[in-house]
Amino acid sequence: MQYLHTMIRITDINTSLRFYCDGLGLEEVRRYDSEAGRFTLVFLAAPRDLEAARINKAPLIELTYNWDPEEYTGGRNFGHLAYRVDDIYALCSRLNDLGVTINRPPRDGYMAFVRSPDGISVELLQSGDALPPTEPWASMPNTGAW
């Protein structure tokens, strides 16, 4: 058995790519449009997984965009995606600069939670040891649900 991908339904391709690619730093591996099925699939990989992802040897995120509008509720019941990151403070700063709410700031220098434009919870974990507590994160309260 091999883990292949996690599928997330999205409502806007550009907004989602801004979050996942410009914000989180994932990269598009491939895209598939189905006229008959009226959907677009966009497959994303973490930078360290790109080479393996291109030969189907790494887990991917599959963003599924259905061309006919649908309402998706209950993003929290999905659970969450989790990524190990090199510098949690730098990534949270970049996401914050893009207007993303940091729902659970990295007060401990180790863990943070944000949400995608479609309400999917994303956990960010510092690689290795926790970074020393740093402002503004150390005193920032939680915002909303994560």
Protein backbone atom coordinates (compact mmCIF):
# COMPACT_ATOMS: atom_id res chain seq x y z
CA MET A 1 0.00 0.00 0.00
CA GLN A 2 1.21 3.51 -0.78
CA TYR A 3 -0.25 6.79 0.44
CA LEU A 4 -1.03 8.88 -2.64
CA HIS A 5 -2.85 12.11 -1.81
CA THR A 6 -5.39 13.98 0.28
CA MET A 7 -8.30 15.46 -1.67
CA ILE A 8 -9.72 18.82 -0.62
CA ARG A 9 -12.70 20.38 -2.38
CA ILE A 10 -12.14 24.07 -3.09
CA THR A 11 -14.39 26.89 -4.27
CA ASP A 12 -11.84 29.12 -6.03
CA ILE A 13 -8.66 27.87 -7.72
CA ASN A 14 -6.75 31.17 -7.63
CA THR A 15 -7.56 31.92 -3.99
CA SER A 16 -6.62 28.38 -2.98
CA LEU A 17 -3.35 28.42 -4.95
CA ARG A 18 -2.46 31.74 -3.31
CA PHE A 19 -2.87 30.07 0.10
CA TYR A 20 -1.25 26.71 -0.64
CA CYS A 21 1.50 27.90 -3.04
CA ASP A 22 2.25 31.56 -2.23
CA GLY A 23 1.52 31.09 1.48
CA LEU A 24 2.52 27.57 2.47
CA GLY A 25 5.10 27.21 -0.30
CA LEU A 26 3.68 24.10 -1.99
CA GLU A 27 4.29 23.68 -5.72
CA GLU A 28 1.96 22.55 -8.46
CA VAL A 29 2.98 19.15 -9.84
CA ARG A 30 0.21 18.63 -12.38
CA ARG A 31 -3.30 19.71 -13.34
CA TYR A 32 -6.18 17.87 -14.98
CA ASP A 33 -9.33 19.41 -16.46
CA SER A 34 -12.34 17.19 -17.16
CA GLU A 35 -14.88 18.74 -19.53
CA ALA A 36 -17.18 15.72 -19.19
CA GLY A 37 -16.97 15.64 -15.39
CA ARG A 38 -16.92 19.44 -15.09
CA PHE A 39 -14.04 19.56 -12.63
CA THR A 40 -10.37 20.53 -12.36
CA LEU A 41 -7.80 18.67 -10.27
CA VAL A 42 -4.63 20.46 -9.15
CA PHE A 43 -1.95 18.32 -7.48
CA LEU A 44 0.50 20.00 -5.10
CA ALA A 45 3.66 18.81 -3.34
CA ALA A 46 5.92 20.20 -0.64
CA PRO A 47 9.25 21.49 -2.04
CA ARG A 48 11.27 18.64 -0.51
CA ASP A 49 8.86 16.12 -2.07
CA LEU A 50 8.83 17.54 -5.62
CA GLU A 51 11.25 15.13 -7.24
CA ALA A 52 9.56 12.10 -5.69
CA ALA A 53 6.09 13.51 -6.45
CA ARG A 54 6.86 13.76 -10.16
CA ILE A 55 7.34 9.98 -10.27
CA ASN A 56 4.37 9.22 -7.96
CA LYS A 57 6.55 8.43 -4.94
CA ALA A 58 5.44 11.19 -2.56
CA PRO A 59 2.12 12.21 -1.00
CA LEU A 60 0.25 15.01 -2.71
CA ILE A 61 -2.55 17.40 -1.98
CA GLU A 62 -5.28 17.15 -4.61
CA LEU A 63 -7.32 20.33 -4.87
CA THR A 64 -10.66 19.48 -6.51
CA TYR A 65 -12.56 22.34 -8.11
CA ASN A 66 -16.08 21.49 -9.29
CA TRP A 67 -17.13 23.87 -12.05
CA ASP A 68 -20.75 23.93 -10.92
CA PRO A 69 -21.07 25.86 -7.64
CA GLU A 70 -21.59 23.80 -4.50
CA GLU A 71 -21.57 24.74 -0.83
CA TYR A 72 -18.98 22.92 1.29
CA THR A 73 -19.48 23.02 5.03
CA GLY A 74 -17.79 21.41 8.00
CA GLY A 75 -14.13 21.83 7.04
CA ARG A 76 -13.19 21.00 10.61
CA ASN A 77 -14.65 17.49 10.31
CA PHE A 78 -11.92 16.76 7.75
CA GLY A 79 -9.32 17.00 10.52
CA HIS A 80 -6.20 18.76 9.32
CA LEU A 81 -3.19 18.67 7.06
CA ALA A 82 0.20 18.79 8.78
CA TYR A 83 3.53 20.05 7.46
CA ARG A 84 6.97 20.14 9.05
CA VAL A 85 8.55 23.54 8.30
CA ASP A 86 12.07 24.98 8.48
CA ASP A 87 11.12 28.25 10.20
CA ILE A 88 7.65 28.46 11.69
CA TYR A 89 7.98 32.17 12.44
CA ALA A 90 8.97 33.06 8.89
CA LEU A 91 6.15 31.00 7.41
CA CYS A 92 3.56 32.46 9.79
CA SER A 93 4.81 35.95 8.94
CA ARG A 94 4.46 35.23 5.22
CA LEU A 95 0.94 33.87 5.69
CA ASN A 96 0.01 36.81 7.90
CA ASP A 97 1.32 39.22 5.23
CA LEU A 98 -1.02 37.48 2.74
CA GLY A 99 -3.95 38.21 5.06
CA VAL A 100 -4.22 34.68 6.47
CA THR A 101 -5.42 34.55 10.09
CA ILE A 102 -3.04 32.64 12.33
CA ASN A 103 -5.68 30.77 14.35
CA ARG A 104 -3.22 29.21 16.78
CA PRO A 105 -0.03 31.30 16.74
CA PRO A 106 3.35 29.59 17.29
CA ARG A 107 3.67 30.88 20.86
CA ASP A 108 5.80 27.87 21.76
CA GLY A 109 8.04 28.19 18.69
CA TYR A 110 6.87 24.76 17.59
CA MET A 111 3.22 24.56 16.50
CA ALA A 112 0.72 26.78 14.70
CA PHE A 113 -2.62 26.32 12.97
CA VAL A 114 -4.11 28.24 10.05
CA ARG A 115 -7.10 27.62 7.79
CA SER A 116 -7.31 27.48 4.02
CA PRO A 117 -9.79 29.72 2.17
CA ASP A 118 -12.21 26.77 2.30
CA GLY A 119 -11.88 26.19 6.05
CA ILE A 120 -9.41 23.30 6.03
CA SER A 121 -7.27 23.32 9.16
CA VAL A 122 -3.51 23.21 8.49
CA GLU A 123 -1.05 22.38 11.27
CA LEU A 124 2.50 23.73 10.99
CA LEU A 125 5.23 22.05 13.05
CA GLN A 126 8.74 23.40 13.48
CA SER A 127 11.39 21.00 12.23
CA GLY A 128 13.72 19.88 15.02
CA ASP A 129 13.64 21.68 18.33
CA ALA A 130 11.21 24.49 19.06
CA LEU A 131 12.45 27.98 18.28
CA PRO A 132 12.83 30.40 21.23
CA PRO A 133 9.57 32.28 21.95
CA THR A 134 9.46 35.47 19.90
CA GLU A 135 7.06 38.40 19.63
CA PRO A 136 4.54 39.05 18.27
CA TRP A 137 3.80 35.32 18.39
CA ALA A 138 4.60 34.69 22.08
CA SER A 139 1.77 36.89 23.35
CA MET A 140 -0.68 36.53 20.44
CA PRO A 141 -4.02 34.92 21.43
CA ASN A 142 -5.84 32.22 19.47
CA THR A 143 -8.32 33.47 16.88
CA GLY A 144 -11.37 31.40 15.95
CA ALA A 145 -11.31 27.62 15.75
CA TRP A 146 -8.36 25.57 14.61
